[in-house]
Amino acid sequence: MSYLKPLATKVVTKHINIWDPMQLIEMGAPPDEYEEEVEKVVNTILENEDEIQLAESIVESFKYTFGRELDFNKTLIIAKNIWKELYE
């Protein structure tokens, strides 16, 4: 995992920030606003067997931090983009 972590962090951060699911960056928050959620997702990347599990990890991470459940279908699109960039 250690060799994959820097790349995974970069890829997950890019996709989460572009998506900006809580609209925090849009409201002026710094680019590292989702750093905690990104770290949680990155730590589960190798445990995930596919994009669906990755999407579930993202939903869980944001629900834990913000107390709000993300739309699973939108999250799955982001998870597929992350998965594709990391594994294909």
N, C-alpha and C. Protein backbone atom coordinates (compact mmCIF):
# COMPACT_ATOMS: atom_id res chain seq x y z
N MET A 1 0.83 -1.21 0.00
CA MET A 1 0.00 0.00 0.00
C MET A 1 0.86 1.25 0.00
N SER A 2 2.02 1.21 0.66
CA SER A 2 2.82 2.42 0.81
C SER A 2 3.23 3.00 -0.54
N TYR A 3 3.52 2.13 -1.51
CA TYR A 3 3.90 2.64 -2.83
C TYR A 3 2.70 3.27 -3.56
N LEU A 4 1.50 2.80 -3.26
CA LEU A 4 0.30 3.29 -3.91
C LEU A 4 -0.30 4.53 -3.22
N LYS A 5 0.03 4.71 -1.95
CA LYS A 5 -0.62 5.77 -1.17
C LYS A 5 -0.45 7.18 -1.76
N PRO A 6 0.77 7.60 -2.15
CA PRO A 6 0.89 8.96 -2.72
C PRO A 6 0.05 9.15 -3.99
N LEU A 7 0.07 8.16 -4.86
CA LEU A 7 -0.73 8.25 -6.08
C LEU A 7 -2.22 8.25 -5.74
N ALA A 8 -2.63 7.35 -4.87
CA ALA A 8 -4.04 7.27 -4.48
C ALA A 8 -4.50 8.57 -3.84
N THR A 9 -3.66 9.15 -3.00
CA THR A 9 -4.02 10.41 -2.35
C THR A 9 -4.22 11.51 -3.39
N LYS A 10 -3.32 11.57 -4.35
CA LYS A 10 -3.42 12.59 -5.41
C LYS A 10 -4.69 12.38 -6.24
N VAL A 11 -4.95 11.15 -6.63
CA VAL A 11 -6.11 10.85 -7.48
C VAL A 11 -7.42 11.09 -6.73
N VAL A 12 -7.51 10.58 -5.51
CA VAL A 12 -8.75 10.75 -4.73
C VAL A 12 -8.99 12.22 -4.45
N THR A 13 -7.95 12.94 -4.06
CA THR A 13 -8.10 14.38 -3.79
C THR A 13 -8.61 15.12 -5.02
N LYS A 14 -8.02 14.82 -6.17
CA LYS A 14 -8.44 15.49 -7.41
C LYS A 14 -9.92 15.27 -7.68
N HIS A 15 -10.36 14.04 -7.61
CA HIS A 15 -11.75 13.73 -7.95
C HIS A 15 -12.74 14.26 -6.91
N ILE A 16 -12.38 14.15 -5.63
CA ILE A 16 -13.27 14.66 -4.58
C ILE A 16 -13.36 16.19 -4.67
N ASN A 17 -12.24 16.86 -4.91
CA ASN A 17 -12.27 18.32 -4.99
C ASN A 17 -13.05 18.82 -6.20
N ILE A 18 -12.91 18.15 -7.33
CA ILE A 18 -13.68 18.55 -8.51
C ILE A 18 -15.16 18.35 -8.25
N TRP A 19 -15.50 17.23 -7.63
CA TRP A 19 -16.90 16.91 -7.31
C TRP A 19 -17.43 17.88 -6.25
N ASP A 20 -16.62 18.12 -5.19
CA ASP A 20 -16.98 19.02 -4.10
C ASP A 20 -18.39 18.72 -3.56
N PRO A 21 -18.59 17.51 -3.03
CA PRO A 21 -19.93 17.06 -2.66
C PRO A 21 -20.63 17.92 -1.61
N MET A 22 -19.90 18.62 -0.78
CA MET A 22 -20.51 19.48 0.24
C MET A 22 -20.48 20.95 -0.16
N GLN A 23 -20.01 21.24 -1.38
CA GLN A 23 -19.89 22.60 -1.91
C GLN A 23 -19.05 23.52 -1.02
N LEU A 24 -18.10 22.94 -0.30
CA LEU A 24 -17.26 23.74 0.60
C LEU A 24 -16.19 24.50 -0.17
N ILE A 25 -15.59 23.86 -1.15
CA ILE A 25 -14.57 24.53 -1.96
C ILE A 25 -15.21 25.64 -2.77
N GLU A 26 -16.40 25.35 -3.27
CA GLU A 26 -17.16 26.37 -4.01
C GLU A 26 -17.41 27.60 -3.15
N MET A 27 -17.57 27.39 -1.83
CA MET A 27 -17.84 28.50 -0.91
C MET A 27 -16.56 29.15 -0.39
N GLY A 28 -15.40 28.71 -0.92
CA GLY A 28 -14.15 29.37 -0.55
C GLY A 28 -13.24 28.57 0.38
N ALA A 29 -13.62 27.34 0.70
CA ALA A 29 -12.75 26.51 1.55
C ALA A 29 -11.46 26.17 0.80
N PRO A 30 -10.38 25.91 1.53
CA PRO A 30 -9.11 25.58 0.88
C PRO A 30 -9.16 24.22 0.19
N PRO A 31 -8.24 23.99 -0.75
CA PRO A 31 -8.23 22.73 -1.50
C PRO A 31 -8.03 21.48 -0.64
N ASP A 32 -7.52 21.66 0.58
CA ASP A 32 -7.33 20.49 1.46
C ASP A 32 -8.51 20.28 2.41
N GLU A 33 -9.63 20.91 2.11
CA GLU A 33 -10.81 20.83 2.97
C GLU A 33 -11.26 19.39 3.23
N TYR A 34 -11.15 18.54 2.24
CA TYR A 34 -11.60 17.15 2.37
C TYR A 34 -10.47 16.19 2.72
N GLU A 35 -9.38 16.72 3.24
CA GLU A 35 -8.19 15.91 3.52
C GLU A 35 -8.51 14.71 4.42
N GLU A 36 -9.30 14.91 5.45
CA GLU A 36 -9.64 13.82 6.38
C GLU A 36 -10.43 12.72 5.67
N GLU A 37 -11.39 13.12 4.86
CA GLU A 37 -12.19 12.14 4.12
C GLU A 37 -11.34 11.41 3.07
N VAL A 38 -10.47 12.16 2.41
CA VAL A 38 -9.58 11.56 1.41
C VAL A 38 -8.70 10.52 2.08
N GLU A 39 -8.15 10.85 3.24
CA GLU A 39 -7.28 9.90 3.93
C GLU A 39 -8.03 8.62 4.30
N LYS A 40 -9.27 8.76 4.76
CA LYS A 40 -10.07 7.57 5.08
C LYS A 40 -10.30 6.72 3.85
N VAL A 41 -10.63 7.35 2.75
CA VAL A 41 -10.88 6.62 1.50
C VAL A 41 -9.60 5.95 1.02
N VAL A 42 -8.50 6.67 1.03
CA VAL A 42 -7.22 6.11 0.58
C VAL A 42 -6.83 4.91 1.43
N ASN A 43 -7.07 4.98 2.72
CA ASN A 43 -6.73 3.86 3.60
C ASN A 43 -7.56 2.61 3.33
N THR A 44 -8.68 2.76 2.65
CA THR A 44 -9.52 1.59 2.33
C THR A 44 -9.39 1.14 0.87
N ILE A 45 -8.60 1.86 0.08
CA ILE A 45 -8.52 1.57 -1.37
C ILE A 45 -8.18 0.11 -1.64
N LEU A 46 -7.17 -0.42 -0.99
CA LEU A 46 -6.77 -1.80 -1.27
C LEU A 46 -7.75 -2.82 -0.71
N GLU A 47 -8.55 -2.43 0.26
CA GLU A 47 -9.56 -3.34 0.81
C GLU A 47 -10.77 -3.45 -0.11
N ASN A 48 -10.95 -2.47 -0.96
CA ASN A 48 -12.10 -2.46 -1.86
C ASN A 48 -11.84 -3.38 -3.04
N GLU A 49 -12.82 -4.19 -3.37
CA GLU A 49 -12.67 -5.12 -4.48
C GLU A 49 -13.12 -4.54 -5.81
N ASP A 50 -13.91 -3.48 -5.75
CA ASP A 50 -14.41 -2.90 -6.98
C ASP A 50 -14.91 -1.48 -6.72
N GLU A 51 -15.43 -0.87 -7.77
CA GLU A 51 -15.89 0.52 -7.67
C GLU A 51 -17.07 0.67 -6.72
N ILE A 52 -17.89 -0.35 -6.61
CA ILE A 52 -19.06 -0.28 -5.72
C ILE A 52 -18.61 -0.19 -4.27
N GLN A 53 -17.66 -1.02 -3.90
CA GLN A 53 -17.15 -0.94 -2.53
C GLN A 53 -16.43 0.38 -2.28
N LEU A 54 -15.74 0.88 -3.28
CA LEU A 54 -15.09 2.18 -3.14
C LEU A 54 -16.13 3.27 -2.92
N ALA A 55 -17.21 3.23 -3.67
CA ALA A 55 -18.30 4.20 -3.50
C ALA A 55 -18.89 4.10 -2.09
N GLU A 56 -19.06 2.90 -1.60
CA GLU A 56 -19.58 2.70 -0.24
C GLU A 56 -18.62 3.30 0.79
N SER A 57 -17.32 3.16 0.57
CA SER A 57 -16.33 3.75 1.47
C SER A 57 -16.41 5.27 1.47
N ILE A 58 -16.60 5.84 0.30
CA ILE A 58 -16.72 7.30 0.19
C ILE A 58 -17.97 7.78 0.91
N VAL A 59 -19.08 7.12 0.67
CA VAL A 59 -20.34 7.50 1.33
C VAL A 59 -20.18 7.42 2.85
N GLU A 60 -19.59 6.34 3.32
CA GLU A 60 -19.41 6.15 4.76
C GLU A 60 -18.51 7.23 5.36
N SER A 61 -17.43 7.56 4.67
CA SER A 61 -16.51 8.57 5.16
C SER A 61 -17.19 9.94 5.30
N PHE A 62 -17.93 10.33 4.30
CA PHE A 62 -18.61 11.63 4.35
C PHE A 62 -19.76 11.64 5.34
N LYS A 63 -20.44 10.52 5.48
CA LYS A 63 -21.53 10.44 6.45
C LYS A 63 -20.97 10.57 7.86
N TYR A 64 -19.83 9.94 8.13
CA TYR A 64 -19.20 10.01 9.44
C TYR A 64 -18.80 11.45 9.77
N THR A 65 -18.20 12.14 8.82
CA THR A 65 -17.70 13.49 9.07
C THR A 65 -18.80 14.53 9.06
N PHE A 66 -19.69 14.47 8.07
CA PHE A 66 -20.67 15.54 7.88
C PHE A 66 -22.08 15.17 8.32
N GLY A 67 -22.30 13.89 8.67
CA GLY A 67 -23.62 13.47 9.12
C GLY A 67 -24.67 13.51 8.03
N ARG A 68 -24.19 13.46 6.80
CA ARG A 68 -25.10 13.54 5.65
C ARG A 68 -24.74 12.45 4.65
N GLU A 69 -25.74 11.75 4.19
CA GLU A 69 -25.51 10.67 3.23
C GLU A 69 -25.46 11.23 1.81
N LEU A 70 -24.42 10.85 1.09
CA LEU A 70 -24.27 11.29 -0.29
C LEU A 70 -25.14 10.43 -1.20
N ASP A 71 -25.54 10.98 -2.33
CA ASP A 71 -26.28 10.22 -3.33
C ASP A 71 -25.36 9.11 -3.85
N PHE A 72 -25.81 7.86 -3.72
CA PHE A 72 -24.95 6.74 -4.06
C PHE A 72 -24.61 6.72 -5.55
N ASN A 73 -25.56 7.03 -6.41
CA ASN A 73 -25.30 6.98 -7.86
C ASN A 73 -24.25 8.01 -8.28
N LYS A 74 -24.31 9.21 -7.71
CA LYS A 74 -23.29 10.22 -8.01
C LYS A 74 -21.93 9.80 -7.45
N THR A 75 -21.96 9.22 -6.25
CA THR A 75 -20.73 8.75 -5.64
C THR A 75 -20.11 7.63 -6.45
N LEU A 76 -20.94 6.76 -6.99
CA LEU A 76 -20.44 5.65 -7.80
C LEU A 76 -19.73 6.15 -9.06
N ILE A 77 -20.21 7.21 -9.64
CA ILE A 77 -19.55 7.80 -10.81
C ILE A 77 -18.14 8.26 -10.43
N ILE A 78 -18.02 8.92 -9.29
CA ILE A 78 -16.71 9.38 -8.81
C ILE A 78 -15.82 8.18 -8.51
N ALA A 79 -16.38 7.17 -7.86
CA ALA A 79 -15.61 5.97 -7.52
C ALA A 79 -15.10 5.28 -8.79
N LYS A 80 -15.93 5.22 -9.81
CA LYS A 80 -15.50 4.60 -11.07
C LYS A 80 -14.35 5.38 -11.70
N ASN A 81 -14.42 6.70 -11.64
CA ASN A 81 -13.34 7.54 -12.19
C ASN A 81 -12.04 7.33 -11.41
N ILE A 82 -12.14 7.26 -10.09
CA ILE A 82 -10.96 7.02 -9.26
C ILE A 82 -10.38 5.65 -9.57
N TRP A 83 -11.25 4.64 -9.58
CA TRP A 83 -10.83 3.27 -9.82
C TRP A 83 -10.12 3.14 -11.17
N LYS A 84 -10.72 3.75 -12.18
CA LYS A 84 -10.16 3.69 -13.52
C LYS A 84 -8.76 4.30 -13.56
N GLU A 85 -8.62 5.45 -12.92
CA GLU A 85 -7.33 6.13 -12.93
C GLU A 85 -6.26 5.36 -12.16
N LEU A 86 -6.66 4.65 -11.12
CA LEU A 86 -5.69 3.91 -10.32
C LEU A 86 -5.36 2.53 -10.87
N TYR A 87 -6.34 1.87 -11.45
CA TYR A 87 -6.16 0.45 -11.76
C TYR A 87 -6.22 0.08 -13.23
N GLU A 88 -6.56 1.00 -14.09
CA GLU A 88 -6.66 0.62 -15.50
C GLU A 88 -5.60 1.32 -16.34
